[in-house]
């Protein structure tokens, strides 16, 4: 009896993680198309999945790409106004140099009341560039540039952690499992 039941739970967990992963990939694709504030009202209501999908499609049907970056600070202000009780706030993004100006103050503001988890999607190409064979000058430059970029990215994460946020830096396929593990770790430590 325990064998089929365990397999059923494993299948259900795998299905849910894959569903979350697909949703996170979709969010990552439209990250620069919308300000984070535009999505906040969407997640507060409780309703049918079809209602949520219709609301999302109604907001996205006429979007055009632009060079605007996300305004994390205004999103944080809006969240602080809307959510009064302490909560786990998960911010999914891809940490870039241009985000540092609004991201750090936003995370500090959110950390005053909430537990903040900043999950950054690291590009797969970075890992491949570091593991590729260096057999030419161009590949040596690519390796050195990638290592330098990852070092500066690590420093940016340390600054965010000093500001009170928990940080995850994982490739997209690792994100669902890393989020679940971090959440379980937070619950086990009694931080929420």
Protein backbone atom coordinates (compact mmCIF):
# COMPACT_ATOMS: atom_id res chain seq x y z
CA UNK A 1 0.00 0.00 0.00
CA UNK A 2 2.81 2.43 0.84
CA UNK A 3 4.56 1.85 -2.51
CA UNK A 4 1.73 3.05 -4.80
CA UNK A 5 0.88 5.86 -2.40
CA UNK A 6 4.48 7.08 -2.36
CA UNK A 7 4.61 6.94 -6.15
CA UNK A 8 1.37 8.91 -6.36
CA UNK A 9 2.74 11.60 -4.04
CA UNK A 10 6.03 11.67 -5.95
CA UNK A 11 4.11 12.07 -9.22
CA UNK A 12 1.97 14.84 -7.73
CA UNK A 13 5.00 16.72 -6.39
CA UNK A 14 6.81 16.31 -9.71
CA UNK A 15 3.74 17.59 -11.58
CA UNK A 16 3.38 20.61 -9.28
CA UNK A 17 7.08 21.48 -9.53
CA UNK A 18 6.93 21.25 -13.32
CA UNK A 19 3.84 23.46 -13.33
CA UNK A 20 5.57 26.03 -11.12
CA UNK A 21 8.67 25.83 -13.33
CA UNK A 22 6.62 26.50 -16.48
CA UNK A 23 4.91 29.42 -14.80
CA UNK A 24 8.24 30.85 -13.62
CA UNK A 25 9.69 30.60 -17.10
CA UNK A 26 6.69 32.47 -18.44
CA UNK A 27 7.15 35.20 -15.82
CA UNK A 28 10.84 35.44 -16.67
CA UNK A 29 10.03 35.98 -20.33
CA UNK A 30 7.75 38.93 -19.64
CA UNK A 31 9.89 40.38 -16.85
CA UNK A 32 10.92 43.45 -18.78
CA UNK A 33 7.54 43.92 -20.41
CA UNK A 34 5.63 44.79 -17.26
CA UNK A 35 6.34 46.51 -14.03
CA UNK A 36 5.93 44.14 -11.10
CA UNK A 37 3.20 46.39 -9.67
CA UNK A 38 0.88 45.48 -12.53
CA UNK A 39 0.77 41.85 -11.36
CA UNK A 40 0.18 42.43 -7.65
CA UNK A 41 -3.64 42.68 -7.73
CA UNK A 42 -3.74 39.46 -9.72
CA UNK A 43 -2.36 37.33 -6.89
CA UNK A 44 -4.63 38.55 -4.09
CA UNK A 45 -7.96 37.23 -5.25
CA UNK A 46 -9.11 33.67 -4.88
CA UNK A 47 -10.91 32.32 -7.93
CA UNK A 48 -10.96 29.79 -10.64
CA UNK A 49 -7.92 29.19 -12.78
CA UNK A 50 -9.83 30.30 -15.86
CA UNK A 51 -10.58 33.65 -14.22
CA UNK A 52 -6.92 34.19 -13.43
CA UNK A 53 -5.85 33.20 -16.95
CA UNK A 54 -8.43 35.55 -18.46
CA UNK A 55 -7.26 38.41 -16.26
CA UNK A 56 -3.66 37.79 -17.23
CA UNK A 57 -4.45 37.58 -20.92
CA UNK A 58 -6.55 40.74 -20.76
CA UNK A 59 -3.56 42.56 -19.29
CA UNK A 60 -1.03 41.11 -21.70
CA UNK A 61 -2.75 41.10 -25.08
CA UNK A 62 -1.50 44.51 -26.23
CA UNK A 63 1.93 44.66 -24.62
CA UNK A 64 4.85 45.90 -26.61
CA UNK A 65 8.52 45.45 -25.71
CA UNK A 66 10.37 48.45 -24.35
CA UNK A 67 13.69 49.36 -22.80
CA UNK A 68 12.13 50.17 -19.41
CA UNK A 69 13.36 48.22 -16.41
CA UNK A 70 11.26 47.02 -13.50
CA UNK A 71 10.60 49.52 -10.74
CA UNK A 72 11.18 47.36 -7.69
CA UNK A 73 10.87 50.20 -5.22
CA UNK A 74 7.36 51.24 -6.32
CA UNK A 75 6.33 47.57 -6.32
CA UNK A 76 7.66 47.28 -2.74
CA UNK A 77 5.76 50.40 -1.65
CA UNK A 78 2.56 49.03 -3.15
CA UNK A 79 3.07 45.65 -1.46
CA UNK A 80 3.74 47.31 1.90
CA UNK A 81 0.45 49.21 1.58
CA UNK A 82 -1.52 46.11 0.63
CA UNK A 83 -0.03 43.41 2.89
CA UNK A 84 0.05 44.39 6.56
CA UNK A 85 0.82 40.99 8.10
CA UNK A 86 4.30 39.48 7.99
CA UNK A 87 4.68 37.24 4.95
CA UNK A 88 7.26 35.49 2.83
CA UNK A 89 7.77 37.69 -0.23
CA UNK A 90 9.42 35.91 -3.14
CA UNK A 91 10.85 38.09 -5.90
CA UNK A 92 11.76 36.25 -9.10
CA UNK A 93 14.10 38.05 -11.42
CA UNK A 94 17.46 37.91 -13.08
CA UNK A 95 19.91 40.10 -11.21
CA UNK A 96 21.52 42.60 -13.53
CA UNK A 97 23.70 45.62 -12.86
CA UNK A 98 20.94 48.04 -13.85
CA UNK A 99 18.58 46.55 -11.24
CA UNK A 100 20.86 47.31 -8.31
CA UNK A 101 19.73 50.94 -7.94
CA UNK A 102 16.07 50.17 -7.19
CA UNK A 103 16.34 46.56 -6.05
CA UNK A 104 18.47 47.03 -2.91
CA UNK A 105 16.29 49.83 -1.44
CA UNK A 106 13.15 47.85 -2.26
CA UNK A 107 14.44 44.74 -0.50
CA UNK A 108 15.49 46.79 2.55
CA UNK A 109 12.00 48.31 2.70
CA UNK A 110 10.28 44.93 2.40
CA UNK A 111 12.63 43.36 4.98
CA UNK A 112 11.33 45.72 7.67
CA UNK A 113 8.07 43.78 7.88
CA UNK A 114 8.41 40.69 5.69
CA UNK A 115 10.84 37.86 5.11
CA UNK A 116 12.18 38.48 1.60
CA UNK A 117 13.53 35.79 -0.70
CA UNK A 118 15.16 37.07 -3.88
CA UNK A 119 15.38 34.24 -6.42
CA UNK A 120 17.52 35.07 -9.40
CA UNK A 121 17.51 33.05 -12.59
CA UNK A 122 21.09 32.57 -13.71
CA UNK A 123 21.62 32.04 -17.43
CA UNK A 124 22.66 28.51 -18.44
CA UNK A 125 25.31 29.90 -20.75
CA UNK A 126 27.36 31.09 -17.77
CA UNK A 127 27.91 27.56 -16.49
CA UNK A 128 28.67 26.30 -19.97
CA UNK A 129 31.20 29.10 -20.53
CA UNK A 130 33.07 28.16 -17.34
CA UNK A 131 33.15 24.44 -18.13
CA UNK A 132 34.07 24.80 -21.81
CA UNK A 133 37.56 23.88 -22.90
CA UNK A 134 39.84 26.90 -23.24
CA UNK A 135 41.79 26.26 -26.41
CA UNK A 136 41.89 29.67 -28.05
CA UNK A 137 42.37 33.30 -27.17
CA UNK A 138 38.65 34.07 -27.73
CA UNK A 139 37.61 31.27 -25.39
CA UNK A 140 40.11 32.48 -22.79
CA UNK A 141 38.56 35.95 -22.99
CA UNK A 142 35.07 34.45 -22.67
CA UNK A 143 36.16 32.43 -19.64
CA UNK A 144 37.77 35.46 -17.96
CA UNK A 145 34.78 37.72 -18.68
CA UNK A 146 32.34 35.10 -17.35
CA UNK A 147 34.37 34.59 -14.19
CA UNK A 148 34.53 38.35 -13.64
CA UNK A 149 30.79 38.73 -14.23
CA UNK A 150 29.99 35.92 -11.77
CA UNK A 151 32.31 37.46 -9.18
CA UNK A 152 30.55 40.84 -9.46
CA UNK A 153 27.19 39.06 -9.33
CA UNK A 154 28.24 37.28 -6.12
CA UNK A 155 29.20 40.63 -4.59
CA UNK A 156 25.79 42.02 -5.53
CA UNK A 157 24.11 39.06 -3.80
CA UNK A 158 26.19 39.64 -0.68
CA UNK A 159 25.03 43.30 -0.64
CA UNK A 160 21.41 42.16 -0.91
CA UNK A 161 21.87 39.64 1.89
CA UNK A 162 23.43 42.32 4.12
CA UNK A 163 20.26 44.33 3.43
CA UNK A 164 18.19 41.56 5.00
CA UNK A 165 17.09 39.45 2.03
CA UNK A 166 17.59 35.75 1.50
CA UNK A 167 19.02 35.04 -1.95
CA UNK A 168 18.92 32.17 -4.40
CA UNK A 169 20.97 32.18 -7.60
CA UNK A 170 20.08 29.14 -9.67
CA UNK A 171 19.53 28.13 -13.26
CA UNK A 172 15.86 28.01 -14.33
CA UNK A 173 15.57 24.20 -14.28
CA UNK A 174 16.82 24.15 -10.66
CA UNK A 175 14.50 26.91 -9.42
CA UNK A 176 11.36 24.97 -8.38
CA UNK A 177 13.28 22.50 -6.22
CA UNK A 178 15.52 25.24 -4.77
CA UNK A 179 12.45 27.34 -3.85
CA UNK A 180 10.73 24.41 -2.16
CA UNK A 181 13.88 23.48 -0.24
CA UNK A 182 14.45 27.07 0.89
CA UNK A 183 10.82 27.36 2.00
CA UNK A 184 11.07 24.15 4.02
CA UNK A 185 14.32 25.40 5.56
CA UNK A 186 12.63 28.68 6.53
CA UNK A 187 9.69 26.82 8.10
CA UNK A 188 12.03 24.44 9.96
CA UNK A 189 13.98 27.39 11.39
CA UNK A 190 10.71 29.06 12.47
CA UNK A 191 11.48 32.28 10.63
CA UNK A 192 7.90 32.77 9.44
